[in-house]
Amino acid sequence: MDELTPDPRLIEKFGRKFAAGDVIFREGDAANEAFLLQDGRVRLLKRVRTVERSLVVLKPGDLFGESALTPGSTRSVTAIALTDGVALALAEATFKTLLQSNTAIAARVLQQLVRRLRELEDQIEFMMIRDTQSKIVSALLKLAGGRSGVLLPVTPMDLSTRVGLDVDTVKRTVQQLRDGEYIKITEEKLEIPDIEALRKLYNLLGVKDEIQGEKPT
């Protein structure tokens, strides 16, 4: 999704500034406002037992805290600012009015909802894959969109969030793929020089996983 150009009028009326490290809201808090990020980066965290797991890093144009659009709801995640920035803080009625009056924002929100549905489908697929390397290779294939030579601006943390693995495991697997020359690291970005070679690896890993799954326990 493209970066969002902040609207000074909306920021003046609904803008809420934050500094790097600020907790915008915590999991379990009462949800009174949804937020539309205008500038900066925000990380969403989810507590799983005693550990907080990173879910996603948001960028300008992203909607978050939308549980506030359901009356009486509470926050299901924690939102922490990674950088200084500003977001539109919108109560339920204000949000609906803004969607009706601002077609650009309405279109952006719709695109984001479609993207989230696709990401949810991907996450379900990753959960069904048992092999760690297969999870990461599958994610890279989806991010590359079937093209060779594409620079993917993803970090190990991004991949960790996407496939549900810890960062250290992702780093080790990325290094293995790099050693096998399936990927390159250029300017701190991942590059897939030969998408077909990576796709063949994914198929081979799938066969290996099926064989191991058929072994008697």
N, C-alpha and C. Protein backbone atom coordinates (compact mmCIF):
# COMPACT_ATOMS: atom_id res chain seq x y z
N MET A 1 0.85 -1.18 0.00
CA MET A 1 0.00 0.00 0.00
C MET A 1 0.89 1.24 0.00
N ASP A 2 0.56 2.24 -0.76
CA ASP A 2 1.37 3.44 -0.85
C ASP A 2 1.28 4.24 0.44
N GLU A 3 2.32 5.05 0.65
CA GLU A 3 2.33 5.95 1.79
C GLU A 3 1.15 6.92 1.69
N LEU A 4 0.62 7.26 2.85
CA LEU A 4 -0.52 8.15 2.90
C LEU A 4 -0.06 9.58 3.08
N THR A 5 -0.55 10.50 2.25
CA THR A 5 -0.24 11.92 2.41
C THR A 5 -1.15 12.51 3.48
N PRO A 6 -0.57 12.96 4.62
CA PRO A 6 -1.40 13.47 5.71
C PRO A 6 -2.27 14.65 5.27
N ASP A 7 -3.50 14.67 5.72
CA ASP A 7 -4.42 15.77 5.44
C ASP A 7 -4.37 16.72 6.64
N PRO A 8 -3.81 17.93 6.46
CA PRO A 8 -3.65 18.86 7.58
C PRO A 8 -4.96 19.16 8.30
N ARG A 9 -6.06 19.22 7.58
CA ARG A 9 -7.34 19.54 8.21
C ARG A 9 -7.79 18.42 9.14
N LEU A 10 -7.62 17.18 8.68
CA LEU A 10 -8.00 16.05 9.52
C LEU A 10 -7.08 15.93 10.72
N ILE A 11 -5.78 16.17 10.50
CA ILE A 11 -4.83 16.07 11.60
C ILE A 11 -5.12 17.14 12.66
N GLU A 12 -5.46 18.33 12.21
CA GLU A 12 -5.77 19.41 13.15
C GLU A 12 -6.99 19.06 14.00
N LYS A 13 -7.95 18.38 13.42
CA LYS A 13 -9.19 18.08 14.12
C LYS A 13 -9.13 16.79 14.93
N PHE A 14 -8.50 15.74 14.34
CA PHE A 14 -8.53 14.43 15.00
C PHE A 14 -7.14 13.88 15.33
N GLY A 15 -6.09 14.63 14.96
CA GLY A 15 -4.73 14.11 15.11
C GLY A 15 -4.31 13.88 16.55
N ARG A 16 -3.59 12.79 16.77
CA ARG A 16 -3.00 12.50 18.07
C ARG A 16 -1.53 12.15 17.85
N LYS A 17 -0.65 13.00 18.38
CA LYS A 17 0.77 12.79 18.18
C LYS A 17 1.30 11.79 19.21
N PHE A 18 2.37 11.08 18.83
CA PHE A 18 3.03 10.17 19.75
C PHE A 18 4.52 10.19 19.48
N ALA A 19 5.29 9.80 20.49
CA ALA A 19 6.74 9.74 20.38
C ALA A 19 7.20 8.30 20.38
N ALA A 20 8.40 8.05 19.85
CA ALA A 20 8.94 6.70 19.83
C ALA A 20 8.94 6.12 21.24
N GLY A 21 8.40 4.90 21.38
CA GLY A 21 8.34 4.24 22.68
C GLY A 21 7.03 4.42 23.41
N ASP A 22 6.20 5.33 22.94
CA ASP A 22 4.89 5.55 23.59
C ASP A 22 4.00 4.33 23.42
N VAL A 23 3.27 3.99 24.46
CA VAL A 23 2.23 2.96 24.37
C VAL A 23 0.93 3.66 24.00
N ILE A 24 0.44 3.42 22.81
CA ILE A 24 -0.78 4.08 22.34
C ILE A 24 -1.99 3.48 23.03
N PHE A 25 -2.02 2.16 23.16
CA PHE A 25 -3.01 1.49 24.01
C PHE A 25 -2.47 0.10 24.36
N ARG A 26 -3.03 -0.47 25.43
CA ARG A 26 -2.59 -1.78 25.90
C ARG A 26 -3.70 -2.82 25.74
N GLU A 27 -3.28 -4.04 25.55
CA GLU A 27 -4.21 -5.15 25.49
C GLU A 27 -5.05 -5.20 26.78
N GLY A 28 -6.37 -5.30 26.62
CA GLY A 28 -7.27 -5.33 27.76
C GLY A 28 -7.89 -3.99 28.09
N ASP A 29 -7.32 -2.88 27.57
CA ASP A 29 -7.91 -1.56 27.80
C ASP A 29 -9.27 -1.45 27.11
N ALA A 30 -10.10 -0.56 27.61
CA ALA A 30 -11.36 -0.26 26.93
C ALA A 30 -11.05 0.36 25.57
N ALA A 31 -11.76 -0.07 24.55
CA ALA A 31 -11.52 0.43 23.18
C ALA A 31 -12.54 1.51 22.86
N ASN A 32 -12.06 2.75 22.81
CA ASN A 32 -12.96 3.87 22.55
C ASN A 32 -12.74 4.53 21.20
N GLU A 33 -11.55 4.35 20.61
CA GLU A 33 -11.23 5.01 19.35
C GLU A 33 -10.45 4.06 18.44
N ALA A 34 -10.75 4.16 17.15
CA ALA A 34 -9.92 3.51 16.13
C ALA A 34 -8.89 4.52 15.66
N PHE A 35 -7.78 4.02 15.12
CA PHE A 35 -6.69 4.91 14.70
C PHE A 35 -6.34 4.67 13.24
N LEU A 36 -6.14 5.76 12.51
CA LEU A 36 -5.68 5.69 11.13
C LEU A 36 -4.32 6.38 11.10
N LEU A 37 -3.27 5.60 10.92
CA LEU A 37 -1.91 6.11 11.01
C LEU A 37 -1.61 7.06 9.85
N GLN A 38 -1.12 8.24 10.17
CA GLN A 38 -0.79 9.25 9.17
C GLN A 38 0.70 9.38 8.94
N ASP A 39 1.47 9.22 10.01
CA ASP A 39 2.92 9.38 9.91
C ASP A 39 3.57 8.54 11.00
N GLY A 40 4.71 7.89 10.67
CA GLY A 40 5.42 7.11 11.66
C GLY A 40 5.18 5.61 11.51
N ARG A 41 5.71 4.85 12.47
CA ARG A 41 5.59 3.40 12.48
C ARG A 41 5.10 2.95 13.85
N VAL A 42 4.22 1.95 13.86
CA VAL A 42 3.63 1.43 15.10
C VAL A 42 3.70 -0.10 15.06
N ARG A 43 4.09 -0.71 16.17
CA ARG A 43 4.12 -2.17 16.26
C ARG A 43 2.95 -2.66 17.10
N LEU A 44 2.29 -3.72 16.63
CA LEU A 44 1.23 -4.36 17.39
C LEU A 44 1.77 -5.63 18.03
N LEU A 45 1.51 -5.79 19.32
CA LEU A 45 1.97 -6.94 20.09
C LEU A 45 0.80 -7.68 20.69
N LYS A 46 0.94 -9.01 20.79
CA LYS A 46 -0.09 -9.85 21.39
C LYS A 46 0.54 -10.71 22.46
N ARG A 47 -0.04 -10.71 23.66
CA ARG A 47 0.48 -11.55 24.74
C ARG A 47 0.00 -12.98 24.55
N VAL A 48 0.94 -13.90 24.50
CA VAL A 48 0.65 -15.33 24.43
C VAL A 48 1.25 -15.96 25.68
N ARG A 49 0.39 -16.30 26.64
CA ARG A 49 0.83 -16.74 27.97
C ARG A 49 1.67 -15.63 28.60
N THR A 50 2.97 -15.89 28.81
CA THR A 50 3.80 -14.89 29.49
C THR A 50 4.67 -14.09 28.53
N VAL A 51 4.51 -14.33 27.23
CA VAL A 51 5.39 -13.70 26.25
C VAL A 51 4.57 -12.82 25.31
N GLU A 52 5.12 -11.62 25.00
CA GLU A 52 4.48 -10.75 24.01
C GLU A 52 5.10 -11.04 22.64
N ARG A 53 4.25 -11.36 21.67
CA ARG A 53 4.70 -11.66 20.31
C ARG A 53 4.35 -10.50 19.39
N SER A 54 5.29 -10.16 18.51
CA SER A 54 5.04 -9.11 17.53
C SER A 54 4.11 -9.63 16.45
N LEU A 55 3.06 -8.88 16.15
CA LEU A 55 2.11 -9.28 15.12
C LEU A 55 2.40 -8.62 13.79
N VAL A 56 2.63 -7.31 13.83
CA VAL A 56 2.81 -6.58 12.58
C VAL A 56 3.39 -5.21 12.89
N VAL A 57 4.11 -4.64 11.91
CA VAL A 57 4.56 -3.25 11.99
C VAL A 57 3.73 -2.45 11.01
N LEU A 58 3.05 -1.43 11.51
CA LEU A 58 2.15 -0.63 10.70
C LEU A 58 2.87 0.55 10.09
N LYS A 59 2.36 1.00 8.94
CA LYS A 59 2.92 2.16 8.25
C LYS A 59 1.79 3.13 7.93
N PRO A 60 2.14 4.36 7.50
CA PRO A 60 1.09 5.33 7.19
C PRO A 60 0.04 4.78 6.24
N GLY A 61 -1.22 5.05 6.59
CA GLY A 61 -2.35 4.54 5.81
C GLY A 61 -3.01 3.35 6.46
N ASP A 62 -2.33 2.72 7.45
CA ASP A 62 -2.88 1.53 8.10
C ASP A 62 -3.87 1.90 9.19
N LEU A 63 -4.91 1.10 9.27
CA LEU A 63 -5.93 1.24 10.31
C LEU A 63 -5.60 0.26 11.44
N PHE A 64 -5.72 0.71 12.69
CA PHE A 64 -5.52 -0.20 13.80
C PHE A 64 -6.42 0.22 14.97
N GLY A 65 -6.61 -0.71 15.89
CA GLY A 65 -7.51 -0.44 17.00
C GLY A 65 -8.96 -0.40 16.58
N GLU A 66 -9.29 -1.08 15.47
CA GLU A 66 -10.65 -1.01 14.94
C GLU A 66 -11.67 -1.76 15.79
N SER A 67 -11.22 -2.46 16.82
CA SER A 67 -12.18 -3.09 17.74
C SER A 67 -13.05 -2.04 18.42
N ALA A 68 -12.56 -0.79 18.44
CA ALA A 68 -13.33 0.30 19.02
C ALA A 68 -14.62 0.57 18.26
N LEU A 69 -14.72 0.07 17.02
CA LEU A 69 -15.92 0.28 16.23
C LEU A 69 -17.06 -0.62 16.67
N THR A 70 -16.77 -1.54 17.60
CA THR A 70 -17.79 -2.38 18.22
C THR A 70 -18.01 -1.90 19.65
N PRO A 71 -19.17 -1.38 19.97
CA PRO A 71 -19.42 -0.81 21.31
C PRO A 71 -19.13 -1.81 22.43
N GLY A 72 -18.47 -1.32 23.50
CA GLY A 72 -18.21 -2.14 24.67
C GLY A 72 -17.04 -3.09 24.54
N SER A 73 -16.25 -2.98 23.47
CA SER A 73 -15.15 -3.91 23.25
C SER A 73 -13.90 -3.46 23.99
N THR A 74 -12.93 -4.36 24.12
CA THR A 74 -11.64 -4.06 24.72
C THR A 74 -10.53 -4.33 23.71
N ARG A 75 -9.35 -3.80 23.98
CA ARG A 75 -8.22 -3.97 23.08
C ARG A 75 -7.74 -5.42 23.11
N SER A 76 -7.54 -5.98 21.93
CA SER A 76 -7.06 -7.36 21.83
C SER A 76 -5.55 -7.42 21.66
N VAL A 77 -4.93 -6.25 21.42
CA VAL A 77 -3.47 -6.18 21.23
C VAL A 77 -2.95 -4.93 21.92
N THR A 78 -1.62 -4.83 22.00
CA THR A 78 -0.95 -3.62 22.49
C THR A 78 -0.31 -2.91 21.30
N ALA A 79 -0.43 -1.59 21.25
CA ALA A 79 0.16 -0.79 20.17
C ALA A 79 1.25 0.11 20.74
N ILE A 80 2.47 -0.04 20.23
CA ILE A 80 3.61 0.74 20.69
C ILE A 80 4.23 1.48 19.52
N ALA A 81 4.50 2.77 19.70
CA ALA A 81 5.11 3.58 18.64
C ALA A 81 6.59 3.22 18.49
N LEU A 82 7.00 2.93 17.27
CA LEU A 82 8.41 2.68 16.98
C LEU A 82 9.15 3.97 16.65
N THR A 83 8.40 4.95 16.15
CA THR A 83 8.98 6.25 15.80
C THR A 83 8.02 7.35 16.26
N ASP A 84 8.48 8.59 16.18
CA ASP A 84 7.56 9.70 16.36
C ASP A 84 6.54 9.66 15.22
N GLY A 85 5.33 10.12 15.48
CA GLY A 85 4.33 10.12 14.42
C GLY A 85 3.02 10.71 14.87
N VAL A 86 2.01 10.51 14.04
CA VAL A 86 0.68 11.02 14.35
C VAL A 86 -0.36 10.11 13.71
N ALA A 87 -1.47 9.94 14.40
CA ALA A 87 -2.57 9.12 13.88
C ALA A 87 -3.88 9.87 14.10
N LEU A 88 -4.85 9.62 13.25
CA LEU A 88 -6.19 10.13 13.47
C LEU A 88 -6.87 9.24 14.49
N ALA A 89 -7.37 9.82 15.57
CA ALA A 89 -8.08 9.08 16.61
C ALA A 89 -9.57 9.28 16.38
N LEU A 90 -10.28 8.21 16.04
CA LEU A 90 -11.65 8.33 15.56
C LEU A 90 -12.61 7.47 16.37
N ALA A 91 -13.60 8.13 16.97
CA ALA A 91 -14.67 7.39 17.63
C ALA A 91 -15.55 6.74 16.57
N GLU A 92 -16.41 5.83 16.98
CA GLU A 92 -17.22 5.06 16.03
C GLU A 92 -18.01 5.96 15.07
N ALA A 93 -18.74 6.91 15.61
CA ALA A 93 -19.58 7.77 14.77
C ALA A 93 -18.73 8.62 13.83
N THR A 94 -17.61 9.13 14.34
CA THR A 94 -16.71 9.95 13.52
C THR A 94 -16.12 9.13 12.38
N PHE A 95 -15.73 7.90 12.69
CA PHE A 95 -15.14 7.02 11.68
C PHE A 95 -16.12 6.77 10.54
N LYS A 96 -17.37 6.47 10.87
CA LYS A 96 -18.38 6.20 9.84
C LYS A 96 -18.62 7.44 8.98
N THR A 97 -18.66 8.60 9.63
CA THR A 97 -18.87 9.84 8.89
C THR A 97 -17.71 10.12 7.94
N LEU A 98 -16.49 9.85 8.42
CA LEU A 98 -15.30 10.08 7.60
C LEU A 98 -15.29 9.17 6.38
N LEU A 99 -15.69 7.91 6.54
CA LEU A 99 -15.74 6.98 5.41
C LEU A 99 -16.75 7.45 4.37
N GLN A 100 -17.86 8.01 4.82
CA GLN A 100 -18.90 8.45 3.89
C GLN A 100 -18.50 9.73 3.15
N SER A 101 -17.69 10.57 3.79
CA SER A 101 -17.37 11.88 3.22
C SER A 101 -16.02 11.91 2.51
N ASN A 102 -15.15 10.93 2.78
CA ASN A 102 -13.80 10.95 2.20
C ASN A 102 -13.58 9.65 1.43
N THR A 103 -13.76 9.72 0.11
CA THR A 103 -13.67 8.51 -0.71
C THR A 103 -12.25 7.93 -0.73
N ALA A 104 -11.23 8.78 -0.63
CA ALA A 104 -9.85 8.29 -0.65
C ALA A 104 -9.57 7.41 0.57
N ILE A 105 -10.01 7.86 1.73
CA ILE A 105 -9.80 7.07 2.95
C ILE A 105 -10.65 5.82 2.91
N ALA A 106 -11.88 5.92 2.40
CA ALA A 106 -12.75 4.74 2.30
C ALA A 106 -12.12 3.68 1.41
N ALA A 107 -11.55 4.10 0.28
CA ALA A 107 -10.92 3.16 -0.64
C ALA A 107 -9.70 2.52 0.01
N ARG A 108 -8.94 3.31 0.75
CA ARG A 108 -7.74 2.79 1.42
C ARG A 108 -8.11 1.77 2.48
N VAL A 109 -9.15 2.05 3.25
CA VAL A 109 -9.59 1.10 4.28
C VAL A 109 -10.07 -0.20 3.64
N LEU A 110 -10.80 -0.10 2.52
CA LEU A 110 -11.28 -1.29 1.83
C LEU A 110 -10.10 -2.12 1.32
N GLN A 111 -9.10 -1.47 0.72
CA GLN A 111 -7.91 -2.18 0.25
C GLN A 111 -7.22 -2.89 1.40
N GLN A 112 -7.18 -2.23 2.54
CA GLN A 112 -6.51 -2.82 3.69
C GLN A 112 -7.25 -4.05 4.21
N LEU A 113 -8.57 -3.99 4.22
CA LEU A 113 -9.36 -5.14 4.66
C LEU A 113 -9.15 -6.33 3.74
N VAL A 114 -9.08 -6.07 2.43
CA VAL A 114 -8.82 -7.14 1.46
C VAL A 114 -7.44 -7.73 1.71
N ARG A 115 -6.46 -6.87 1.95
CA ARG A 115 -5.10 -7.34 2.23
C ARG A 115 -5.06 -8.19 3.49
N ARG A 116 -5.79 -7.79 4.51
CA ARG A 116 -5.79 -8.56 5.76
C ARG A 116 -6.42 -9.93 5.56
N LEU A 117 -7.44 -10.01 4.73
CA LEU A 117 -8.03 -11.32 4.45
C LEU A 117 -7.02 -12.23 3.76
N ARG A 118 -6.25 -11.67 2.82
CA ARG A 118 -5.23 -12.46 2.14
C ARG A 118 -4.15 -12.89 3.12
N GLU A 119 -3.75 -11.99 4.02
CA GLU A 119 -2.72 -12.33 5.00
C GLU A 119 -3.22 -13.41 5.95
N LEU A 120 -4.51 -13.35 6.30
CA LEU A 120 -5.08 -14.38 7.17
C LEU A 120 -5.05 -15.73 6.48
N GLU A 121 -5.38 -15.76 5.19
CA GLU A 121 -5.33 -17.01 4.43
C GLU A 121 -3.90 -17.55 4.40
N ASP A 122 -2.92 -16.64 4.22
CA ASP A 122 -1.51 -17.06 4.21
C ASP A 122 -1.11 -17.64 5.56
N GLN A 123 -1.54 -17.00 6.65
CA GLN A 123 -1.18 -17.46 7.99
C GLN A 123 -1.76 -18.85 8.26
N ILE A 124 -2.97 -19.09 7.78
CA ILE A 124 -3.56 -20.42 7.94
C ILE A 124 -2.73 -21.45 7.18
N GLU A 125 -2.28 -21.07 5.97
CA GLU A 125 -1.44 -21.98 5.18
C GLU A 125 -0.13 -22.25 5.90
N PHE A 126 0.50 -21.21 6.46
CA PHE A 126 1.77 -21.40 7.16
C PHE A 126 1.60 -22.31 8.37
N MET A 127 0.47 -22.20 9.06
CA MET A 127 0.21 -23.04 10.22
C MET A 127 0.12 -24.51 9.83
N MET A 128 -0.34 -24.78 8.61
CA MET A 128 -0.51 -26.15 8.15
C MET A 128 0.80 -26.77 7.67
N ILE A 129 1.82 -25.93 7.46
CA ILE A 129 3.13 -26.42 7.02
C ILE A 129 3.96 -26.75 8.26
N ARG A 130 4.46 -27.98 8.34
CA ARG A 130 5.20 -28.39 9.52
C ARG A 130 6.67 -27.97 9.47
N ASP A 131 7.27 -28.05 8.30
CA ASP A 131 8.70 -27.80 8.16
C ASP A 131 9.01 -26.30 8.25
N THR A 132 9.99 -25.97 9.10
CA THR A 132 10.35 -24.56 9.32
C THR A 132 10.83 -23.89 8.05
N GLN A 133 11.75 -24.54 7.33
CA GLN A 133 12.29 -23.94 6.11
C GLN A 133 11.20 -23.75 5.06
N SER A 134 10.27 -24.69 5.00
CA SER A 134 9.17 -24.58 4.04
C SER A 134 8.30 -23.36 4.33
N LYS A 135 8.07 -23.08 5.61
CA LYS A 135 7.27 -21.91 5.98
C LYS A 135 7.90 -20.64 5.42
N ILE A 136 9.21 -20.51 5.62
CA ILE A 136 9.90 -19.29 5.21
C ILE A 136 10.01 -19.20 3.69
N VAL A 137 10.30 -20.31 3.04
CA VAL A 137 10.37 -20.32 1.57
C VAL A 137 9.01 -19.96 0.98
N SER A 138 7.94 -20.51 1.56
CA SER A 138 6.59 -20.19 1.08
C SER A 138 6.31 -18.70 1.21
N ALA A 139 6.69 -18.11 2.35
CA ALA A 139 6.48 -16.67 2.55
C ALA A 139 7.26 -15.85 1.53
N LEU A 140 8.49 -16.24 1.25
CA LEU A 140 9.31 -15.51 0.27
C LEU A 140 8.73 -15.61 -1.13
N LEU A 141 8.22 -16.78 -1.48
CA LEU A 141 7.60 -16.94 -2.80
C LEU A 141 6.38 -16.04 -2.94
N LYS A 142 5.59 -15.93 -1.90
CA LYS A 142 4.40 -15.08 -1.95
C LYS A 142 4.80 -13.61 -2.04
N LEU A 143 5.82 -13.22 -1.28
CA LEU A 143 6.26 -11.82 -1.30
C LEU A 143 6.85 -11.44 -2.65
N ALA A 144 7.52 -12.39 -3.30
CA ALA A 144 8.15 -12.11 -4.60
C ALA A 144 7.13 -12.04 -5.72
N GLY A 145 5.97 -12.64 -5.52
CA GLY A 145 4.93 -12.58 -6.55
C GLY A 145 5.32 -13.28 -7.84
N GLY A 146 6.15 -14.32 -7.75
CA GLY A 146 6.52 -15.08 -8.94
C GLY A 146 7.58 -14.43 -9.80
N ARG A 147 8.27 -13.42 -9.29
CA ARG A 147 9.27 -12.70 -10.09
C ARG A 147 10.67 -12.91 -9.54
N SER A 148 11.64 -13.08 -10.42
CA SER A 148 13.04 -13.17 -10.02
C SER A 148 13.64 -11.78 -9.93
N GLY A 149 14.69 -11.65 -9.10
CA GLY A 149 15.42 -10.39 -9.00
C GLY A 149 14.72 -9.30 -8.23
N VAL A 150 13.65 -9.63 -7.53
CA VAL A 150 12.90 -8.63 -6.78
C VAL A 150 13.57 -8.40 -5.42
N LEU A 151 13.75 -7.14 -5.04
CA LEU A 151 14.27 -6.81 -3.72
C LEU A 151 13.10 -6.75 -2.74
N LEU A 152 13.15 -7.56 -1.72
CA LEU A 152 12.07 -7.63 -0.73
C LEU A 152 12.49 -6.87 0.53
N PRO A 153 11.85 -5.75 0.84
CA PRO A 153 12.22 -4.97 2.01
C PRO A 153 11.65 -5.58 3.29
N VAL A 154 12.06 -6.81 3.59
CA VAL A 154 11.57 -7.48 4.78
C VAL A 154 12.74 -7.82 5.70
N THR A 155 12.52 -7.69 6.99
CA THR A 155 13.52 -8.01 7.99
C THR A 155 13.21 -9.38 8.59
N PRO A 156 14.16 -9.97 9.31
CA PRO A 156 13.85 -11.22 10.02
C PRO A 156 12.63 -11.08 10.94
N MET A 157 12.46 -9.90 11.55
CA MET A 157 11.29 -9.67 12.40
C MET A 157 10.01 -9.73 11.57
N ASP A 158 10.04 -9.14 10.37
CA ASP A 158 8.86 -9.19 9.50
C ASP A 158 8.50 -10.64 9.15
N LEU A 159 9.52 -11.42 8.78
CA LEU A 159 9.28 -12.82 8.43
C LEU A 159 8.81 -13.61 9.65
N SER A 160 9.40 -13.30 10.80
CA SER A 160 8.99 -13.97 12.04
C SER A 160 7.51 -13.77 12.30
N THR A 161 7.07 -12.53 12.15
CA THR A 161 5.67 -12.20 12.36
C THR A 161 4.78 -12.90 11.34
N ARG A 162 5.23 -12.94 10.09
CA ARG A 162 4.42 -13.49 9.01
C ARG A 162 4.21 -15.00 9.14
N VAL A 163 5.27 -15.73 9.55
CA VAL A 163 5.18 -17.20 9.56
C VAL A 163 5.01 -17.79 10.96
N GLY A 164 5.08 -16.94 12.01
CA GLY A 164 4.85 -17.44 13.35
C GLY A 164 6.02 -18.20 13.95
N LEU A 165 7.24 -17.81 13.59
CA LEU A 165 8.45 -18.42 14.15
C LEU A 165 9.24 -17.36 14.90
N ASP A 166 10.11 -17.80 15.82
CA ASP A 166 10.94 -16.82 16.54
C ASP A 166 12.01 -16.26 15.61
N VAL A 167 12.52 -15.08 15.95
CA VAL A 167 13.44 -14.37 15.07
C VAL A 167 14.73 -15.14 14.85
N ASP A 168 15.27 -15.77 15.90
CA ASP A 168 16.53 -16.52 15.75
C ASP A 168 16.39 -17.66 14.76
N THR A 169 15.25 -18.37 14.81
CA THR A 169 15.02 -19.45 13.86
C THR A 169 14.96 -18.92 12.44
N VAL A 170 14.30 -17.78 12.26
CA VAL A 170 14.21 -17.17 10.93
C VAL A 170 15.60 -16.77 10.43
N LYS A 171 16.41 -16.18 11.31
CA LYS A 171 17.76 -15.76 10.90
C LYS A 171 18.59 -16.96 10.46
N ARG A 172 18.50 -18.06 11.19
CA ARG A 172 19.27 -19.26 10.82
C ARG A 172 18.81 -19.80 9.48
N THR A 173 17.51 -19.82 9.27
CA THR A 173 16.98 -20.35 8.01
C THR A 173 17.35 -19.46 6.83
N VAL A 174 17.27 -18.15 7.03
CA VAL A 174 17.66 -17.21 5.97
C VAL A 174 19.14 -17.41 5.61
N GLN A 175 19.98 -17.64 6.62
CA GLN A 175 21.40 -17.87 6.36
C GLN A 175 21.60 -19.15 5.57
N GLN A 176 20.83 -20.20 5.89
CA GLN A 176 20.91 -21.45 5.14
C GLN A 176 20.52 -21.24 3.67
N LEU A 177 19.47 -20.47 3.45
CA LEU A 177 19.04 -20.19 2.08
C LEU A 177 20.07 -19.35 1.34
N ARG A 178 20.72 -18.47 2.08
CA ARG A 178 21.78 -17.65 1.48
C ARG A 178 22.99 -18.52 1.12
N ASP A 179 23.36 -19.43 2.02
CA ASP A 179 24.49 -20.33 1.75
C ASP A 179 24.21 -21.21 0.54
N GLY A 180 22.93 -21.58 0.36
CA GLY A 180 22.55 -22.39 -0.79
C GLY A 180 22.33 -21.59 -2.05
N GLU A 181 22.55 -20.26 -1.97
CA GLU A 181 22.42 -19.33 -3.09
C GLU A 181 20.99 -19.25 -3.63
N TYR A 182 20.04 -19.53 -2.76
CA TYR A 182 18.64 -19.35 -3.15
C TYR A 182 18.21 -17.89 -2.97
N ILE A 183 18.88 -17.20 -2.07
CA ILE A 183 18.61 -15.77 -1.87
C ILE A 183 19.93 -15.02 -1.74
N LYS A 184 19.86 -13.72 -1.98
CA LYS A 184 20.98 -12.82 -1.74
C LYS A 184 20.51 -11.72 -0.79
N ILE A 185 21.45 -11.09 -0.13
CA ILE A 185 21.11 -9.94 0.71
C ILE A 185 21.80 -8.73 0.11
N THR A 186 21.01 -7.82 -0.40
CA THR A 186 21.51 -6.61 -1.07
C THR A 186 20.94 -5.38 -0.39
N GLU A 187 21.82 -4.53 0.13
CA GLU A 187 21.40 -3.29 0.79
C GLU A 187 20.37 -3.59 1.88
N GLU A 188 20.65 -4.62 2.67
CA GLU A 188 19.79 -5.03 3.79
C GLU A 188 18.40 -5.47 3.32
N LYS A 189 18.29 -5.85 2.05
CA LYS A 189 17.04 -6.38 1.52
C LYS A 189 17.30 -7.77 0.93
N LEU A 190 16.28 -8.61 0.97
CA LEU A 190 16.42 -9.95 0.41
C LEU A 190 16.14 -9.92 -1.08
N GLU A 191 16.96 -10.62 -1.83
CA GLU A 191 16.76 -10.73 -3.27
C GLU A 191 16.68 -12.20 -3.65
N ILE A 192 15.73 -12.55 -4.49
CA ILE A 192 15.59 -13.92 -4.99
C ILE A 192 16.07 -13.91 -6.43
N PRO A 193 17.31 -14.38 -6.69
CA PRO A 193 17.85 -14.31 -8.06
C PRO A 193 17.16 -15.24 -9.05
N ASP A 194 16.66 -16.37 -8.55
CA ASP A 194 16.02 -17.35 -9.45
C ASP A 194 14.78 -17.90 -8.76
N ILE A 195 13.63 -17.38 -9.12
CA ILE A 195 12.38 -17.77 -8.45
C ILE A 195 12.06 -19.24 -8.71
N GLU A 196 12.43 -19.75 -9.87
CA GLU A 196 12.14 -21.15 -10.19
C GLU A 196 12.95 -22.10 -9.32
N ALA A 197 14.20 -21.74 -9.04
CA ALA A 197 15.04 -22.56 -8.16
C ALA A 197 14.45 -22.60 -6.76
N LEU A 198 13.95 -21.46 -6.30
CA LEU A 198 13.34 -21.42 -4.97
C LEU A 198 12.04 -22.22 -4.95
N ARG A 199 11.28 -22.15 -6.03
CA ARG A 199 10.03 -22.91 -6.11
C ARG A 199 10.32 -24.43 -6.12
N LYS A 200 11.38 -24.84 -6.82
CA LYS A 200 11.76 -26.26 -6.83
C LYS A 200 12.17 -26.71 -5.44
N LEU A 201 12.91 -25.86 -4.72
CA LEU A 201 13.29 -26.18 -3.34
C LEU A 201 12.05 -26.38 -2.48
N TYR A 202 11.08 -25.52 -2.64
CA TYR A 202 9.84 -25.62 -1.86
C TYR A 202 9.14 -26.95 -2.14
N ASN A 203 9.10 -27.35 -3.40
CA ASN A 203 8.47 -28.62 -3.75
C ASN A 203 9.23 -29.80 -3.16
N LEU A 204 10.57 -29.75 -3.19
CA LEU A 204 11.39 -30.81 -2.62
C LEU A 204 11.20 -30.90 -1.11
N LEU A 205 11.12 -29.75 -0.46
CA LEU A 205 10.89 -29.74 0.98
C LEU A 205 9.52 -30.33 1.31
N GLY A 206 8.55 -30.09 0.42
CA GLY A 206 7.22 -30.65 0.63
C GLY A 206 7.22 -32.16 0.54
N VAL A 207 7.97 -32.69 -0.43
CA VAL A 207 8.08 -34.14 -0.57
C VAL A 207 8.76 -34.74 0.66
N LYS A 208 9.82 -34.09 1.11
CA LYS A 208 10.54 -34.56 2.31
C LYS A 208 9.62 -34.56 3.52
N ASP A 209 8.82 -33.52 3.66
CA ASP A 209 7.91 -33.41 4.80
C ASP A 209 6.86 -34.52 4.76
N GLU A 210 6.35 -34.83 3.55
CA GLU A 210 5.35 -35.88 3.41
C GLU A 210 5.94 -37.25 3.76
N ILE A 211 7.19 -37.48 3.33
CA ILE A 211 7.85 -38.76 3.63
C ILE A 211 8.05 -38.92 5.13
N GLN A 212 8.49 -37.85 5.78
CA GLN A 212 8.72 -37.91 7.22
C GLN A 212 7.40 -38.09 7.97
N GLY A 213 6.34 -37.48 7.42
CA GLY A 213 5.04 -37.60 8.06
C GLY A 213 4.45 -39.00 7.97
N GLU A 214 4.91 -39.77 6.95
CA GLU A 214 4.41 -41.12 6.77
C GLU A 214 5.14 -42.15 7.62
N LYS A 215 6.28 -41.74 8.22
CA LYS A 215 7.04 -42.68 9.03
C LYS A 215 6.23 -43.07 10.27
N PRO A 216 6.26 -44.36 10.68
CA PRO A 216 5.54 -44.77 11.87
C PRO A 216 6.11 -44.14 13.12
N THR A 217 5.26 -43.78 14.06
CA THR A 217 5.71 -43.17 15.30
C THR A 217 5.82 -44.20 16.39
